[in-house]
C-alpha atoms as a PDB file:
ATOM      1  CA  MET A   1     113.184  97.290 104.642  1.00  0.00           C
ATOM      2  CA  ARG A   2     113.796  97.262 100.629  1.00  0.00           C
ATOM      3  CA  ILE A   3     111.286  99.560  98.159  1.00  0.00           C
ATOM      4  CA  GLU A   4     112.017  98.814  94.860  1.00  0.00           C
ATOM      5  CA  ILE A   5     110.723 101.555  92.497  1.00  0.00           C
ATOM      6  CA  LEU A   6     108.679  99.359  89.512  1.00  0.00           C
ATOM      7  CA  GLY A   7     107.318 102.490  88.306  1.00  0.00           C
ATOM      8  CA  CYS A   8     106.691 106.003  88.972  1.00  0.00           C
ATOM      9  CA  SER A   9     105.697 108.196  86.048  1.00  0.00           C
ATOM     10  CA  GLY A  10     102.619 110.125  85.756  1.00  0.00           C
ATOM     11  CA  GLY A  11     102.412 108.487  81.997  1.00  0.00           C
ATOM     12  CA  ILE A  12     103.534 106.005  79.986  1.00  0.00           C
ATOM     13  CA  GLY A  13     105.642 105.665  76.655  1.00  0.00           C
ATOM     14  CA  ASP A  14     109.812 105.359  76.038  1.00  0.00           C
ATOM     15  CA  ASP A  15     109.853 102.478  78.825  1.00  0.00           C
ATOM     16  CA  ARG A  16     107.758 104.754  81.424  1.00  0.00           C
ATOM     17  CA  ARG A  17     105.664 102.948  83.793  1.00  0.00           C
ATOM     18  CA  THR A  18     103.256 104.110  86.285  1.00  0.00           C
ATOM     19  CA  THR A  19     102.969 104.529  89.804  1.00  0.00           C
ATOM     20  CA  ALA A  20     104.059 100.539  91.446  1.00  0.00           C
ATOM     21  CA  PHE A  21     106.696  99.891  94.251  1.00  0.00           C
ATOM     22  CA  LEU A  22     107.882  96.443  95.916  1.00  0.00           C
ATOM     23  CA  ILE A  23     108.583  96.155  99.160  1.00  0.00           C
ATOM     24  CA  ASP A  24     110.796  93.441 100.065  1.00  0.00           C
ATOM     25  CA  ASP A  25     109.417  90.464  97.980  1.00  0.00           C
ATOM     26  CA  ASP A  26     105.701  90.093  99.585  1.00  0.00           C
ATOM     27  CA  ILE A  27     103.909  93.897  98.930  1.00  0.00           C
ATOM     28  CA  LEU A  28     102.855  96.085  96.250  1.00  0.00           C
ATOM     29  CA  LEU A  29     102.112 100.305  97.194  1.00  0.00           C
ATOM     30  CA  ASP A  30     100.412 100.727  94.182  1.00  0.00           C
ATOM     31  CA  ALA A  31      99.792  98.521  91.150  1.00  0.00           C
ATOM     32  CA  GLY A  32     100.289 100.668  88.127  1.00  0.00           C
ATOM     33  CA  SER A  33     101.843  99.367  85.349  1.00  0.00           C
ATOM     34  CA  GLY A  34     105.330  99.152  86.816  1.00  0.00           C
ATOM     35  CA  ALA A  35     104.103  95.916  88.183  1.00  0.00           C
ATOM     36  CA  LEU A  36     103.893  94.479  84.792  1.00  0.00           C
ATOM     37  CA  ARG A  37     107.419  94.172  84.968  1.00  0.00           C
ATOM     38  CA  LEU A  38     107.546  91.530  87.652  1.00  0.00           C
ATOM     39  CA  SER A  39     107.750  87.994  86.687  1.00  0.00           C
ATOM     40  CA  ARG A  40     105.260  85.172  87.339  1.00  0.00           C
ATOM     41  CA  ALA A  41     106.904  83.493  90.281  1.00  0.00           C
ATOM     42  CA  ALA A  42     107.435  87.041  91.509  1.00  0.00           C
ATOM     43  CA  LEU A  43     103.707  87.981  91.474  1.00  0.00           C
ATOM     44  CA  ALA A  44     102.830  84.965  93.324  1.00  0.00           C
ATOM     45  CA  ARG A  45     105.180  85.923  96.207  1.00  0.00           C
ATOM     46  CA  ILE A  46     102.798  89.217  96.739  1.00  0.00           C
ATOM     47  CA  ASP A  47     100.511  88.698  99.937  1.00  0.00           C
ATOM     48  CA  HIS A  48      99.515  92.243 100.202  1.00  0.00           C
ATOM     49  CA  VAL A  49      98.653  95.207  98.333  1.00  0.00           C
ATOM     50  CA  PHE A  50      98.433  98.688  99.412  1.00  0.00           C
ATOM     51  CA  ILE A  51      96.497 101.029  97.360  1.00  0.00           C
ATOM     52  CA  THR A  52      96.479 104.906  97.484  1.00  0.00           C
ATOM     53  CA  HIS A  53      93.572 105.215  95.246  1.00  0.00           C
ATOM     54  CA  CYS A  54      91.686 103.955  91.982  1.00  0.00           C
ATOM     55  CA  HIS A  55      92.413 105.584  88.964  1.00  0.00           C
ATOM     56  CA  LEU A  56      93.769 103.706  86.647  1.00  0.00           C
ATOM     57  CA  ASP A  57      97.344 104.691  86.514  1.00  0.00           C
ATOM     58  CA  HIS A  58      97.552 103.330  90.432  1.00  0.00           C
ATOM     59  CA  ILE A  59      95.803 100.005  89.701  1.00  0.00           C
ATOM     60  CA  LEU A  60      96.022  98.791  86.484  1.00  0.00           C
ATOM     61  CA  ALA A  61      98.454  95.334  86.917  1.00  0.00           C
ATOM     62  CA  LEU A  62      96.054  94.492  89.904  1.00  0.00           C
ATOM     63  CA  PRO A  63      93.539  92.697  88.067  1.00  0.00           C
ATOM     64  CA  LEU A  64      95.643  90.712  86.003  1.00  0.00           C
ATOM     65  CA  LEU A  65      97.685  90.192  88.993  1.00  0.00           C
ATOM     66  CA  LEU A  66      95.048  88.130  90.449  1.00  0.00           C
ATOM     67  CA  ASP A  67      94.279  86.339  87.255  1.00  0.00           C
ATOM     68  CA  SER A  68      97.721  85.202  86.821  1.00  0.00           C
ATOM     69  CA  VAL A  69      98.826  83.807  89.687  1.00  0.00           C
ATOM     70  CA  ALA A  70      95.889  83.472  92.096  1.00  0.00           C
ATOM     71  CA  GLY A  71      95.543  79.614  91.285  1.00  0.00           C
ATOM     72  CA  GLU A  72      98.992  78.919  92.588  1.00  0.00           C
ATOM     73  CA  ARG A  73      98.563  80.564  95.823  1.00  0.00           C
ATOM     74  CA  ASP A  74      97.280  78.963  98.747  1.00  0.00           C
ATOM     75  CA  ARG A  75      96.283  82.012 100.726  1.00  0.00           C
ATOM     76  CA  PRO A  76      94.233  84.869  99.502  1.00  0.00           C
ATOM     77  CA  LEU A  77      95.702  88.345  98.182  1.00  0.00           C
ATOM     78  CA  GLN A  78      95.002  90.999 101.313  1.00  0.00           C
ATOM     79  CA  LEU A  79      94.109  94.464  99.369  1.00  0.00           C
ATOM     80  CA  HIS A  80      94.420  97.374 102.117  1.00  0.00           C
ATOM     81  CA  ALA A  81      92.924 100.722 101.144  1.00  0.00           C
ATOM     82  CA  LEU A  82      90.577 102.959 102.606  1.00  0.00           C
ATOM     83  CA  PRO A  83      86.858 102.034 102.721  1.00  0.00           C
ATOM     84  CA  GLU A  84      85.912 104.190  99.967  1.00  0.00           C
ATOM     85  CA  VAL A  85      88.391 103.284  97.853  1.00  0.00           C
ATOM     86  CA  LEU A  86      87.589  99.908  98.047  1.00  0.00           C
ATOM     87  CA  GLU A  87      83.713 100.123  97.373  1.00  0.00           C
ATOM     88  CA  ILE A  88      85.129 101.996  94.209  1.00  0.00           C
ATOM     89  CA  LEU A  89      86.990  98.787  93.427  1.00  0.00           C
ATOM     90  CA  LYS A  90      84.112  96.517  94.240  1.00  0.00           C
ATOM     91  CA  ASP A  91      81.629  98.328  91.933  1.00  0.00           C
ATOM     92  CA  HIS A  92      83.645  99.284  89.155  1.00  0.00           C
ATOM     93  CA  ILE A  93      86.137  96.703  88.508  1.00  0.00           C
ATOM     94  CA  PHE A  94      85.684  93.448  90.179  1.00  0.00           C
ATOM     95  CA  ASN A  95      81.847  93.151  89.795  1.00  0.00           C
ATOM     96  CA  TRP A  96      81.864  90.795  86.909  1.00  0.00           C
ATOM     97  CA  ARG A  97      81.310  93.265  84.536  1.00  0.00           C
ATOM     98  CA  ILE A  98      85.134  94.599  83.826  1.00  0.00           C
ATOM     99  CA  TRP A  99      86.676  91.559  85.536  1.00  0.00           C
ATOM    100  CA  PRO A 100      85.682  88.449  87.603  1.00  0.00           C
ATOM    101  CA  ASP A 101      84.580  89.293  91.502  1.00  0.00           C
ATOM    102  CA  PHE A 102      87.780  87.511  93.188  1.00  0.00           C
ATOM    103  CA  SER A 103      86.583  88.035  96.372  1.00  0.00           C
ATOM    104  CA  ARG A 104      83.953  85.228  95.441  1.00  0.00           C
ATOM    105  CA  ILE A 105      86.184  82.505  93.522  1.00  0.00           C
ATOM    106  CA  PRO A 106      86.647  79.849  94.081  1.00  0.00           C
ATOM    107  CA  THR A 107      84.113  80.136  96.911  1.00  0.00           C
ATOM    108  CA  VAL A 108      83.542  83.164  99.213  1.00  0.00           C
ATOM    109  CA  LYS A 109      85.122  81.311 102.172  1.00  0.00           C
ATOM    110  CA  GLN A 110      88.184  80.471  99.944  1.00  0.00           C
ATOM    111  CA  ALA A 111      88.342  83.481  98.099  1.00  0.00           C
ATOM    112  CA  PHE A 112      91.792  84.500  95.736  1.00  0.00           C
ATOM    113  CA  LEU A 113      91.402  88.273  97.146  1.00  0.00           C
ATOM    114  CA  ARG A 114      90.159  89.653 100.511  1.00  0.00           C
ATOM    115  CA  TYR A 115      89.604  93.491 101.084  1.00  0.00           C
ATOM    116  CA  ALA A 116      91.120  94.799 104.298  1.00  0.00           C
ATOM    117  CA  PRO A 117      90.282  98.222 104.874  1.00  0.00           C
ATOM    118  CA  ILE A 118      92.603 100.667 106.649  1.00  0.00           C
ATOM    119  CA  SER A 119      91.896 103.958 107.781  1.00  0.00           C
ATOM    120  CA  ILE A 120      93.686 107.461 107.977  1.00  0.00           C
ATOM    121  CA  GLY A 121      94.999 107.296 111.465  1.00  0.00           C
ATOM    122  CA  GLU A 122      95.222 103.839 111.434  1.00  0.00           C
ATOM    123  CA  THR A 123      98.785 101.159 111.243  1.00  0.00           C
ATOM    124  CA  PHE A 124      98.952  98.268 109.817  1.00  0.00           C
ATOM    125  CA  SER A 125     101.846  96.007 110.692  1.00  0.00           C
ATOM    126  CA  LEU A 126     103.669  93.032 108.877  1.00  0.00           C
ATOM    127  CA  PRO A 127     106.832  91.562 109.970  1.00  0.00           C
ATOM    128  CA  ASP A 128     109.388  90.656 107.472  1.00  0.00           C
ATOM    129  CA  ALA A 129     111.152  87.169 106.927  1.00  0.00           C
ATOM    130  CA  SER A 130     112.861  87.910 109.758  1.00  0.00           C
ATOM    131  CA  GLY A 131     110.648  88.944 112.255  1.00  0.00           C
ATOM    132  CA  ALA A 132     111.398  92.807 111.556  1.00  0.00           C
ATOM    133  CA  ARG A 133     108.342  94.973 111.952  1.00  0.00           C
ATOM    134  CA  ARG A 134     106.884  96.794 109.217  1.00  0.00           C
ATOM    135  CA  ASP A 135     104.535  99.308 109.728  1.00  0.00           C
ATOM    136  CA  PHE A 136     102.065 100.906 107.049  1.00  0.00           C
ATOM    137  CA  SER A 137      99.781 103.871 108.078  1.00  0.00           C
ATOM    138  CA  PRO A 138      97.360 105.952 105.549  1.00  0.00           C
ATOM    139  CA  ILE A 139      98.063 109.604 105.685  1.00  0.00           C
ATOM    140  CA  PRO A 140      95.641 112.426 103.862  1.00  0.00           C
ATOM    141  CA  ALA A 141      95.559 113.728 100.739  1.00  0.00           C
ATOM    142  CA  PHE A 142      93.936 116.221  98.306  1.00  0.00           C
ATOM    143  CA  HIS A 143      92.962 114.382  94.736  1.00  0.00           C
ATOM    144  CA  VAL A 144      89.683 114.477  92.682  1.00  0.00           C
ATOM    145  CA  VAL A 145      88.616 111.059  93.964  1.00  0.00           C
ATOM    146  CA  PRO A 146      89.123 109.048  97.807  1.00  0.00           C
ATOM    147  CA  THR A 147      93.000 108.684  98.101  1.00  0.00           C
ATOM    148  CA  SER A 148      95.633 108.308 100.573  1.00  0.00           C
ATOM    149  CA  GLY A 149      99.240 108.649 100.937  1.00  0.00           C
ATOM    150  CA  TYR A 150     101.001 106.379 102.851  1.00  0.00           C
ATOM    151  CA  LEU A 151     103.823 106.728 106.075  1.00  0.00           C
ATOM    152  CA  LEU A 152     105.849 103.506 106.341  1.00  0.00           C
ATOM    153  CA  ARG A 153     108.079 102.671 108.495  1.00  0.00           C
ATOM    154  CA  GLY A 154     111.073 100.174 109.119  1.00  0.00           C
ATOM    155  CA  PRO A 155     113.878  99.373 111.228  1.00  0.00           C
ATOM    156  CA  LEU A 156     116.302 102.070 109.556  1.00  0.00           C
ATOM    157  CA  GLY A 157     113.289 104.668 109.955  1.00  0.00           C
ATOM    158  CA  ALA A 158     110.270 106.147 107.901  1.00  0.00           C
ATOM    159  CA  LEU A 159     109.296 106.742 104.279  1.00  0.00           C
ATOM    160  CA  LEU A 160     106.523 109.194 103.164  1.00  0.00           C
ATOM    161  CA  PHE A 161     104.718 108.880  99.838  1.00  0.00           C
ATOM    162  CA  SER A 162     102.432 111.508  99.224  1.00  0.00           C
ATOM    163  CA  GLY A 163     100.081 109.797  96.683  1.00  0.00           C
ATOM    164  CA  ASP A 164      98.434 111.952  93.859  1.00  0.00           C
ATOM    165  CA  THR A 165      97.781 115.253  95.869  1.00  0.00           C
ATOM    166  CA  GLY A 166      97.552 118.679  95.219  1.00  0.00           C
ATOM    167  CA  GLY A 167      99.030 121.244  98.280  1.00  0.00           C
ATOM    168  CA  HIS A 168      97.113 120.547 101.689  1.00  0.00           C
ATOM    169  CA  PRO A 169      98.560 121.128 104.904  1.00  0.00           C
ATOM    170  CA  GLU A 170      98.171 117.689 106.743  1.00  0.00           C
ATOM    171  CA  PHE A 171     100.796 116.332 104.310  1.00  0.00           C
ATOM    172  CA  ARG A 172     103.452 118.884 105.533  1.00  0.00           C
ATOM    173  CA  GLU A 173     102.614 118.352 109.308  1.00  0.00           C
ATOM    174  CA  VAL A 174     102.863 114.801 109.109  1.00  0.00           C
ATOM    175  CA  ALA A 175     106.216 114.908 107.761  1.00  0.00           C
ATOM    176  CA  GLU A 176     107.422 116.939 110.330  1.00  0.00           C
ATOM    177  CA  ARG A 177     106.009 114.825 113.024  1.00  0.00           C
ATOM    178  CA  GLN A 178     108.051 111.974 111.495  1.00  0.00           C
ATOM    179  CA  PRO A 179     112.110 112.787 113.510  1.00  0.00           C
ATOM    180  CA  ASP A 180     113.611 109.572 111.753  1.00  0.00           C
ATOM    181  CA  LEU A 181     111.830 110.782 108.077  1.00  0.00           C
ATOM    182  CA  ARG A 182     114.589 109.300 105.568  1.00  0.00           C
ATOM    183  CA  HIS A 183     112.867 109.481 102.304  1.00  0.00           C
ATOM    184  CA  LEU A 184     109.803 111.949 101.340  1.00  0.00           C
ATOM    185  CA  LEU A 185     108.472 110.621  97.818  1.00  0.00           C
ATOM    186  CA  VAL A 186     105.962 113.044  96.349  1.00  0.00           C
ATOM    187  CA  ASP A 187     103.540 113.743  93.658  1.00  0.00           C
ATOM    188  CA  CYS A 188     104.720 116.828  91.286  1.00  0.00           C
ATOM    189  CA  SER A 189     102.837 116.060  87.989  1.00  0.00           C
ATOM    190  CA  TYR A 190     102.591 119.319  86.586  1.00  0.00           C
ATOM    191  CA  ALA A 191     105.023 122.411  85.340  1.00  0.00           C
ATOM    192  CA  ASN A 192     104.013 125.836  86.228  1.00  0.00           C
ATOM    193  CA  ALA A 193     102.769 126.644  82.853  1.00  0.00           C
ATOM    194  CA  GLN A 194     100.253 124.275  83.589  1.00  0.00           C
ATOM    195  CA  LYS A 195      98.885 125.175  86.251  1.00  0.00           C
ATOM    196  CA  ASP A 196      95.548 125.413  85.740  1.00  0.00           C
ATOM    197  CA  ILE A 197      95.226 121.651  84.791  1.00  0.00           C
ATOM    198  CA  ALA A 198      96.639 120.762  88.531  1.00  0.00           C
ATOM    199  CA  ILE A 199      94.531 122.727  90.409  1.00  0.00           C
ATOM    200  CA  ALA A 200      91.843 121.117  88.618  1.00  0.00           C
ATOM    201  CA  SER A 201      92.869 117.561  88.594  1.00  0.00           C
ATOM    202  CA  ARG A 202      94.323 118.219  92.028  1.00  0.00           C
ATOM    203  CA  HIS A 203      97.937 117.487  91.590  1.00  0.00           C
ATOM    204  CA  PHE A 204     101.125 119.785  92.691  1.00  0.00           C
ATOM    205  CA  TYR A 205     102.603 121.994  90.643  1.00  0.00           C
ATOM    206  CA  THR A 206     106.068 123.263  90.858  1.00  0.00           C
ATOM    207  CA  ASP A 207     105.559 126.089  92.541  1.00  0.00           C
ATOM    208  CA  GLU A 208     102.775 125.275  95.055  1.00  0.00           C
ATOM    209  CA  LEU A 209     105.359 121.937  95.683  1.00  0.00           C
ATOM    210  CA  ALA A 210     108.126 124.230  96.132  1.00  0.00           C
ATOM    211  CA  ALA A 211     106.133 126.553  98.574  1.00  0.00           C
ATOM    212  CA  ASP A 212     105.047 123.556 100.580  1.00  0.00           C
ATOM    213  CA  LEU A 213     108.503 122.028 101.153  1.00  0.00           C
ATOM    214  CA  ALA A 214     109.966 124.892 101.722  1.00  0.00           C
ATOM    215  CA  GLY A 215     112.406 125.010 105.406  1.00  0.00           C
ATOM    216  CA  LEU A 216     111.171 121.421 105.925  1.00  0.00           C
ATOM    217  CA  LYS A 217     114.306 120.336 108.407  1.00  0.00           C
ATOM    218  CA  ASN A 218     113.713 116.541 109.475  1.00  0.00           C
ATOM    219  CA  CYS A 219     114.303 114.968 105.715  1.00  0.00           C
ATOM    220  CA  PRO A 220     117.340 114.597 104.123  1.00  0.00           C
ATOM    221  CA  GLU A 221     116.015 113.200 100.770  1.00  0.00           C
ATOM    222  CA  VAL A 222     112.920 114.557  98.722  1.00  0.00           C
ATOM    223  CA  TRP A 223     112.513 112.315  95.989  1.00  0.00           C
ATOM    224  CA  VAL A 224     110.077 113.690  92.748  1.00  0.00           C
ATOM    225  CA  ALA A 225     107.585 111.123  91.271  1.00  0.00           C
ATOM    226  CA  HIS A 226     104.737 111.321  88.655  1.00  0.00           C
ATOM    227  CA  MET A 227     105.879 113.718  86.714  1.00  0.00           C
ATOM    228  CA  LYS A 228     103.534 113.997  83.480  1.00  0.00           C
ATOM    229  CA  PRO A 229     106.090 112.190  80.362  1.00  0.00           C
ATOM    230  CA  GLY A 230     107.627 115.242  78.768  1.00  0.00           C
ATOM    231  CA  ALA A 231     107.559 117.562  81.302  1.00  0.00           C
ATOM    232  CA  GLU A 232     110.244 116.303  83.665  1.00  0.00           C
ATOM    233  CA  ASP A 233     112.909 118.157  82.962  1.00  0.00           C
ATOM    234  CA  THR A 234     110.818 121.425  83.204  1.00  0.00           C
ATOM    235  CA  ILE A 235     109.327 120.274  86.353  1.00  0.00           C
ATOM    236  CA  MET A 236     112.935 119.425  87.937  1.00  0.00           C
ATOM    237  CA  GLN A 237     114.588 122.663  86.795  1.00  0.00           C
ATOM    238  CA  GLU A 238     111.422 124.675  88.163  1.00  0.00           C
ATOM    239  CA  LEU A 239     111.583 123.102  91.622  1.00  0.00           C
ATOM    240  CA  MET A 240     115.592 123.232  91.977  1.00  0.00           C
ATOM    241  CA  ALA A 241     115.325 127.013  91.012  1.00  0.00           C
ATOM    242  CA  ALA A 242     112.636 127.630  93.413  1.00  0.00           C
ATOM    243  CA  LEU A 243     114.497 125.752  96.403  1.00  0.00           C
ATOM    244  CA  ALA A 244     117.910 126.634  95.738  1.00  0.00           C
ATOM    245  CA  SER A 245     118.914 128.561  98.838  1.00  0.00           C
ATOM    246  CA  ASP A 246     117.100 125.877 100.727  1.00  0.00           C
ATOM    247  CA  THR A 247     120.054 123.416 101.743  1.00  0.00           C
ATOM    248  CA  SER A 248     118.404 121.654 104.526  1.00  0.00           C
ATOM    249  CA  PHE A 249     117.423 118.891 101.974  1.00  0.00           C
ATOM    250  CA  ALA A 250     118.533 117.155  98.841  1.00  0.00           C
ATOM    251  CA  ILE A 251     115.652 117.009  95.689  1.00  0.00           C
ATOM    252  CA  ARG A 252     115.752 114.338  93.004  1.00  0.00           C
ATOM    253  CA  PRO A 253     113.955 112.869  90.890  1.00  0.00           C
ATOM    254  CA  LEU A 254     112.355 109.433  91.549  1.00  0.00           C
ATOM    255  CA  MET A 255     113.671 107.080  88.993  1.00  0.00           C
ATOM    256  CA  GLN A 256     112.594 103.473  87.905  1.00  0.00           C
ATOM    257  CA  ASP A 257     114.442 100.718  89.032  1.00  0.00           C
ATOM    258  CA  GLN A 258     115.729 102.785  92.320  1.00  0.00           C
ATOM    259  CA  ILE A 259     115.913 100.959  95.589  1.00  0.00           C
ATOM    260  CA  LEU A 260     115.408 102.728  98.651  1.00  0.00           C
ATOM    261  CA  HIS A 261     115.901 101.550 102.281  1.00  0.00           C
ATOM    262  CA  ILE A 262     114.266 102.278 105.108  1.00  0.00           C
END
């Protein structure tokens, strides 16, 4: 399974793009502004979108994706998320007031969009072009709106994506239960000086994330994502200082255009 990082910033400006990961060539994990980088041909190949939550930086490209290529497709795009997340999208985005209801266009039976709820603890499996299995499982997250992270598993191992979250015990517990965990992608939006904002908005800040990661034994690569623009260097410096004595994993910033494999 190939994961291309189209966007992973906590904001925009100076070519920063928000969260969107292209998996192989037919799946998006979140649809933030990073997905706007794709060509129309690439957008038309997307058959599945997995959404962590409904904040704008994670769904910005989704309405425009459908509007741009839906008429060229012969099957609906399947939108996977927690049931509560799908209800928010139905109520506040695809409602004819903000954007058309693509689950009813051109007809209900032949719609451009199909809602596909997936719950914590459930696994949705999709074969790739060669028939290899690809698994997607929502994991708990601690955010201000209904949110999940995702556990992905491919032929080479597992990748755990926190989604937007503050510290919570389930995140580390899920990580420690994966003996084949190759990559851990985790939100750390704020440096310690903005701890109060992080707590109010339920995002990791550096000391909180360092405490949750300390001693983690089964993940060789930890990638830090969703850092607020301008704070990236401070966040990484604080994390690396706090975890300097922990040599059980490498910790690095997740970068736009990076490619991971599992």
